[in-house]
Amino acid sequence: MAGGDVKHDYHLVNPSPWPLLGSLSVTVLAIGAVTYMKGLFGLPQGFPWVMAVGFAMVIWVMIGWWTNVVREGRIGDHTPVVEIGLRYGMILFIASEVMFFVAWFWSFFEFAIFWDARVGHHWDSANALFQEGLDRFAQFPPQGVTMFDPFHLPLMNTLVLLLSGTTVTWAHHALAHGNMKSAKLGLIVTILLGLCFTGLQVLEYSHAAFSFDGTLYGSAFFMATGFHGAHVIIGTIFLFVCLLRMYAGNMTPKKHLGFEFAAWYWHFVDVVWLFLFAFVYVAPYLIHGPGAGGH
């Protein structure tokens, strides 16, 4: 080993400014968000420039940090042992995202079962037997809330997202077998389907007969579906970056870990939507029909 070099399968990362800059960026974004929504440090509510600066800093850090990671992979720092660690990291990241959605589903069912405690009754009177909880769910959402027909736009969005799951699998399979033309085509179709999903959701929101701050159902609905919509946008950007890298020749049948992670993320988004479609759209609609809620 010439020059005292140590040969091993691990990647010792060079000193990097990105962790510190990332922490500072998230801090600025958090302070800006609180200021924008509530007011802070003498700044009035609705003062958006601090949040905008924080958001721009976060985007800058993400681009710079991930550019370094891509460069490390291209020069061979991502050995098979390092790739195992990266896979575990992506799995844990997706697991943390799952827990985000567990929180939204938890709040939705808590609102549905214990709505009477939230509209003026005591928690003790609401905390009854399971069957009584089911009866309360049958009275949710509240009167005057006209729900979406899940078998119109929401069903179309479901089919679009499920189709995108098949096309991203097609692209991944083609890339693994060296068919770059099919891989690029499958990825382009997936990105277009992701854009279609986002466009249809914007159209759906524009026809909503309830608002975020008007009812318990509205707040739970927009938090859950809106958070998922943000993930679709992030996943679409993730896939678009993979497409650019594919055209740049940065992905091969043996080395395409970034695309593999993008495919995992996209399938996670697909599965979450199926649960949202079933429990947020279909279940309340089948209980109440197209009209108003129960109480």
Protein backbone atom coordinates (compact mmCIF):
# COMPACT_ATOMS: atom_id res chain seq x y z
CA MET A 1 0.00 0.00 0.00
CA ALA A 2 1.89 3.01 -1.32
CA GLY A 3 1.89 6.33 0.47
CA GLY A 4 0.34 4.91 3.63
CA ASP A 5 -3.10 4.52 2.01
CA VAL A 6 -5.49 2.25 3.88
CA LYS A 7 -7.62 0.04 1.63
CA HIS A 8 -11.04 -0.84 3.03
CA ASP A 9 -14.68 -1.06 1.96
CA TYR A 10 -15.87 1.96 3.90
CA HIS A 11 -16.24 5.59 2.85
CA LEU A 12 -14.73 8.11 5.24
CA VAL A 13 -16.55 11.31 4.30
CA ASN A 14 -14.45 14.44 3.86
CA PRO A 15 -15.23 17.43 6.12
CA SER A 16 -18.43 19.00 4.83
CA PRO A 17 -20.28 22.23 5.63
CA TRP A 18 -23.68 20.79 4.70
CA PRO A 19 -24.77 19.33 8.09
CA LEU A 20 -24.18 22.66 9.85
CA LEU A 21 -25.72 24.69 7.02
CA GLY A 22 -28.68 22.28 6.92
CA SER A 23 -29.33 22.79 10.65
CA LEU A 24 -29.15 26.56 10.29
CA SER A 25 -31.47 26.47 7.28
CA VAL A 26 -34.11 24.38 9.04
CA THR A 27 -33.91 26.71 12.08
CA VAL A 28 -34.50 29.77 9.91
CA LEU A 29 -37.38 27.99 8.14
CA ALA A 30 -39.00 27.00 11.44
CA ILE A 31 -38.71 30.51 12.89
CA GLY A 32 -40.06 31.94 9.65
CA ALA A 33 -43.01 29.54 9.60
CA VAL A 34 -43.95 30.38 13.21
CA THR A 35 -43.63 34.08 12.45
CA TYR A 36 -45.77 33.75 9.34
CA MET A 37 -48.54 31.86 11.14
CA LYS A 38 -48.45 33.35 14.66
CA GLY A 39 -45.97 36.22 14.84
CA LEU A 40 -42.66 36.08 16.75
CA PHE A 41 -39.87 38.36 18.05
CA GLY A 42 -42.00 41.43 17.51
CA LEU A 43 -42.69 40.58 13.87
CA PRO A 44 -46.38 40.59 12.96
CA GLN A 45 -48.27 37.53 11.80
CA GLY A 46 -48.16 37.11 8.03
CA PHE A 47 -44.57 38.34 7.67
CA PRO A 48 -43.38 35.83 5.05
CA TRP A 49 -39.86 36.82 4.02
CA VAL A 50 -38.07 34.95 6.86
CA MET A 51 -39.87 31.72 5.94
CA ALA A 52 -39.06 32.30 2.23
CA VAL A 53 -35.36 32.78 3.04
CA GLY A 54 -35.35 29.62 5.19
CA PHE A 55 -37.05 27.62 2.46
CA ALA A 56 -34.55 28.85 -0.13
CA MET A 57 -31.67 27.91 2.19
CA VAL A 58 -33.07 24.39 2.66
CA ILE A 59 -33.37 23.91 -1.12
CA TRP A 60 -29.80 25.18 -1.59
CA VAL A 61 -28.46 22.75 1.04
CA MET A 62 -30.38 19.83 -0.46
CA ILE A 63 -29.02 20.50 -3.94
CA GLY A 64 -25.45 20.96 -2.71
CA TRP A 65 -25.44 17.97 -0.36
CA TRP A 66 -27.04 15.54 -2.80
CA THR A 67 -24.72 16.75 -5.58
CA ASN A 68 -21.82 15.71 -3.36
CA VAL A 69 -23.40 12.31 -2.73
CA VAL A 70 -23.88 11.75 -6.47
CA ARG A 71 -20.29 12.77 -7.12
CA GLU A 72 -19.06 10.33 -4.46
CA GLY A 73 -20.97 7.52 -6.15
CA ARG A 74 -19.53 8.39 -9.57
CA ILE A 75 -15.92 8.28 -8.36
CA GLY A 76 -16.41 4.90 -6.69
CA ASP A 77 -16.81 5.79 -3.02
CA HIS A 78 -20.07 3.83 -2.81
CA THR A 79 -18.72 0.33 -2.41
CA PRO A 80 -21.08 -2.62 -1.85
CA VAL A 81 -20.65 -2.20 1.91
CA VAL A 82 -21.43 1.52 1.72
CA GLU A 83 -24.47 0.78 -0.44
CA ILE A 84 -25.84 -1.46 2.32
CA GLY A 85 -25.68 1.47 4.73
CA LEU A 86 -27.35 3.75 2.19
CA ARG A 87 -30.16 1.22 1.73
CA TYR A 88 -30.72 1.00 5.47
CA GLY A 89 -30.80 4.80 5.60
CA MET A 90 -33.46 4.99 2.88
CA ILE A 91 -35.52 2.28 4.58
CA LEU A 92 -35.43 4.18 7.87
CA PHE A 93 -36.34 7.41 6.09
CA ILE A 94 -39.40 5.79 4.50
CA ALA A 95 -40.30 4.28 7.89
CA SER A 96 -40.24 7.79 9.40
CA GLU A 97 -42.50 8.98 6.59
CA VAL A 98 -44.89 6.12 7.35
CA MET A 99 -45.17 7.41 10.92
CA PHE A 100 -46.09 10.86 9.61
CA PHE A 101 -49.07 9.34 7.83
CA VAL A 102 -49.92 7.22 10.86
CA ALA A 103 -50.36 10.53 12.69
CA TRP A 104 -52.74 11.86 10.01
CA PHE A 105 -54.80 8.66 9.98
CA TRP A 106 -54.83 8.64 13.77
CA SER A 107 -56.18 12.19 13.84
CA PHE A 108 -58.80 11.37 11.20
CA PHE A 109 -60.19 8.41 13.14
CA GLU A 110 -59.93 10.24 16.45
CA PHE A 111 -61.94 13.12 14.98
CA ALA A 112 -64.47 10.67 13.53
CA ILE A 113 -65.00 8.65 16.72
CA PHE A 114 -64.74 11.40 19.35
CA TRP A 115 -66.26 14.32 17.46
CA ASP A 116 -68.81 14.88 20.22
CA ALA A 117 -66.02 15.63 22.72
CA ARG A 118 -64.57 18.15 20.29
CA VAL A 119 -67.84 19.99 19.76
CA GLY A 120 -68.51 20.73 23.41
CA HIS A 121 -69.04 17.50 25.35
CA HIS A 122 -66.67 16.10 27.96
CA TRP A 123 -64.09 13.48 27.09
CA ASP A 124 -65.48 11.17 29.80
CA SER A 125 -68.86 11.09 28.12
CA ALA A 126 -67.25 10.42 24.76
CA ASN A 127 -64.91 7.67 25.92
CA ALA A 128 -67.43 4.82 25.74
CA LEU A 129 -67.56 1.33 24.29
CA PHE A 130 -66.24 0.37 20.88
CA GLN A 131 -69.72 -0.01 19.41
CA GLU A 132 -70.61 3.49 20.52
CA GLY A 133 -67.42 4.64 18.82
CA LEU A 134 -68.62 3.02 15.61
CA ASP A 135 -71.94 4.80 16.01
CA ARG A 136 -70.11 8.10 16.30
CA PHE A 137 -68.09 7.31 13.18
CA ALA A 138 -71.40 6.79 11.39
CA GLN A 139 -72.24 10.42 12.26
CA PHE A 140 -69.03 11.81 10.76
CA PRO A 141 -68.47 14.13 8.88
CA PRO A 142 -70.79 16.80 10.29
CA GLN A 143 -73.99 18.07 8.76
CA GLY A 144 -73.53 20.42 5.85
CA VAL A 145 -70.35 18.80 4.59
CA THR A 146 -70.81 17.53 1.05
CA MET A 147 -68.08 14.97 0.45
CA PHE A 148 -66.38 14.18 -2.81
CA ASP A 149 -67.77 11.30 -4.81
CA PRO A 150 -64.78 8.94 -4.54
CA PHE A 151 -65.71 7.22 -7.78
CA HIS A 152 -65.13 10.31 -9.94
CA LEU A 153 -61.92 12.36 -9.69
CA PRO A 154 -60.49 10.46 -6.68
CA LEU A 155 -60.89 7.14 -8.50
CA MET A 156 -59.26 8.61 -11.59
CA ASN A 157 -56.36 9.81 -9.46
CA THR A 158 -56.08 6.35 -7.92
CA LEU A 159 -55.85 4.72 -11.34
CA VAL A 160 -53.27 7.29 -12.47
CA LEU A 161 -51.08 6.64 -9.43
CA LEU A 162 -51.39 2.87 -9.68
CA LEU A 163 -50.45 3.04 -13.36
CA SER A 164 -47.41 5.14 -12.45
CA GLY A 165 -46.35 2.38 -10.08
CA THR A 166 -46.29 -0.08 -12.98
CA THR A 167 -44.38 2.30 -15.28
CA VAL A 168 -41.67 3.02 -12.68
CA THR A 169 -41.28 -0.75 -12.23
CA TRP A 170 -40.99 -1.09 -16.01
CA ALA A 171 -38.28 1.58 -16.06
CA HIS A 172 -36.40 -0.07 -13.19
CA HIS A 173 -36.56 -3.50 -14.83
CA ALA A 174 -35.38 -2.08 -18.17
CA LEU A 175 -32.47 -0.26 -16.51
CA ALA A 176 -31.40 -3.39 -14.62
CA HIS A 177 -31.25 -5.24 -17.97
CA GLY A 178 -29.38 -2.51 -19.80
CA ASN A 179 -32.27 -1.36 -21.97
CA MET A 180 -31.69 2.36 -21.55
CA LYS A 181 -34.23 3.41 -24.18
CA SER A 182 -37.08 1.62 -22.40
CA ALA A 183 -35.83 2.81 -19.01
CA LYS A 184 -35.95 6.44 -20.14
CA LEU A 185 -39.37 6.01 -21.73
CA GLY A 186 -40.81 4.33 -18.64
CA LEU A 187 -39.41 7.07 -16.44
CA ILE A 188 -40.80 9.83 -18.66
CA VAL A 189 -44.26 8.23 -18.55
CA THR A 190 -44.03 7.93 -14.75
CA ILE A 191 -43.14 11.61 -14.40
CA LEU A 192 -46.02 12.62 -16.66
CA LEU A 193 -48.43 10.50 -14.62
CA GLY A 194 -47.13 12.15 -11.43
CA LEU A 195 -47.82 15.56 -12.95
CA CYS A 196 -51.30 14.39 -13.96
CA PHE A 197 -52.01 13.28 -10.39
CA THR A 198 -50.97 16.67 -9.02
CA GLY A 199 -53.06 18.50 -11.62
CA LEU A 200 -56.13 16.39 -10.86
CA GLN A 201 -55.73 16.98 -7.15
CA VAL A 202 -55.54 20.75 -7.71
CA LEU A 203 -58.73 20.46 -9.78
CA GLU A 204 -60.36 18.42 -7.03
CA TYR A 205 -59.43 20.95 -4.34
CA SER A 206 -60.90 23.74 -6.46
CA HIS A 207 -64.28 21.97 -6.30
CA ALA A 208 -64.21 21.19 -2.56
CA ALA A 209 -67.46 22.04 -0.77
CA PHE A 210 -65.65 22.38 2.58
CA SER A 211 -62.57 24.20 3.81
CA PHE A 212 -59.53 23.41 5.92
CA ASP A 213 -60.64 25.51 8.89
CA GLY A 214 -64.38 24.97 8.64
CA THR A 215 -64.85 21.48 10.10
CA LEU A 216 -62.97 18.61 11.71
CA TYR A 217 -63.46 16.62 8.53
CA GLY A 218 -62.04 19.42 6.40
CA SER A 219 -58.90 19.83 8.51
CA ALA A 220 -58.25 16.06 8.60
CA PHE A 221 -58.97 15.69 4.87
CA PHE A 222 -56.70 18.50 3.69
CA MET A 223 -53.86 17.63 6.07
CA ALA A 224 -53.79 13.98 4.98
CA THR A 225 -54.33 14.43 1.25
CA GLY A 226 -52.28 17.63 1.08
CA PHE A 227 -49.32 16.02 2.83
CA HIS A 228 -49.57 13.11 0.40
CA GLY A 229 -49.76 15.54 -2.51
CA ALA A 230 -46.54 17.17 -1.31
CA HIS A 231 -44.91 13.74 -1.35
CA VAL A 232 -46.09 13.18 -4.92
CA ILE A 233 -44.46 16.46 -5.95
CA ILE A 234 -41.22 15.53 -4.15
CA GLY A 235 -41.28 12.06 -5.71
CA THR A 236 -41.83 13.55 -9.17
CA ILE A 237 -38.80 15.81 -8.71
CA PHE A 238 -36.82 12.79 -7.46
CA LEU A 239 -37.69 10.84 -10.61
CA PHE A 240 -36.96 13.84 -12.85
CA VAL A 241 -33.45 14.14 -11.39
CA CYS A 242 -32.97 10.41 -12.04
CA LEU A 243 -34.05 10.98 -15.66
CA LEU A 244 -31.51 13.78 -16.07
CA ARG A 245 -28.80 11.56 -14.63
CA MET A 246 -29.84 8.75 -16.94
CA TYR A 247 -29.48 11.01 -19.98
CA ALA A 248 -26.10 12.18 -18.63
CA GLY A 249 -24.92 8.57 -18.49
CA ASN A 250 -24.62 8.51 -14.71
CA MET A 251 -26.66 5.32 -14.30
CA THR A 252 -25.76 1.82 -15.42
CA PRO A 253 -27.37 -1.60 -14.96
CA LYS A 254 -24.96 -2.22 -12.06
CA LYS A 255 -24.91 1.26 -10.53
CA HIS A 256 -28.31 2.96 -10.17
CA LEU A 257 -28.90 3.19 -6.44
CA GLY A 258 -30.46 6.65 -6.74
CA PHE A 259 -33.11 5.39 -9.12
CA GLU A 260 -33.77 2.38 -6.92
CA PHE A 261 -34.42 4.70 -3.98
CA ALA A 262 -36.71 6.86 -6.13
CA ALA A 263 -38.69 3.76 -7.10
CA TRP A 264 -39.01 2.72 -3.44
CA TYR A 265 -40.26 6.18 -2.54
CA TRP A 266 -42.76 6.18 -5.39
CA HIS A 267 -44.19 2.82 -4.38
CA PHE A 268 -44.51 4.10 -0.80
CA VAL A 269 -46.51 7.07 -2.12
CA ASP A 270 -48.74 4.66 -4.08
CA VAL A 271 -49.50 2.48 -1.06
CA VAL A 272 -50.28 5.45 1.20
CA TRP A 273 -52.75 6.77 -1.38
CA LEU A 274 -54.63 3.44 -1.40
CA PHE A 275 -55.20 3.80 2.36
CA LEU A 276 -56.24 7.43 1.94
CA PHE A 277 -58.63 6.55 -0.84
CA ALA A 278 -60.18 3.73 1.19
CA PHE A 279 -60.57 5.47 4.56
CA VAL A 280 -60.80 9.19 3.82
CA TYR A 281 -62.79 9.09 0.58
CA VAL A 282 -64.66 5.79 0.23
CA ALA A 283 -65.59 4.79 3.81
CA PRO A 284 -67.37 8.06 4.82
CA TYR A 285 -69.06 8.25 1.42
CA LEU A 286 -70.43 4.71 1.62
CA ILE A 287 -71.75 5.38 5.11
CA HIS A 288 -73.44 8.70 4.29
CA GLY A 289 -73.81 8.80 0.52
CA PRO A 290 -73.22 11.99 -1.44
CA GLY A 291 -75.14 14.23 0.93
CA ALA A 292 -74.33 15.82 4.26
CA GLY A 293 -72.72 14.20 7.26
CA GLY A 294 -74.47 12.91 10.32
CA HIS A 295 -74.45 15.43 13.18
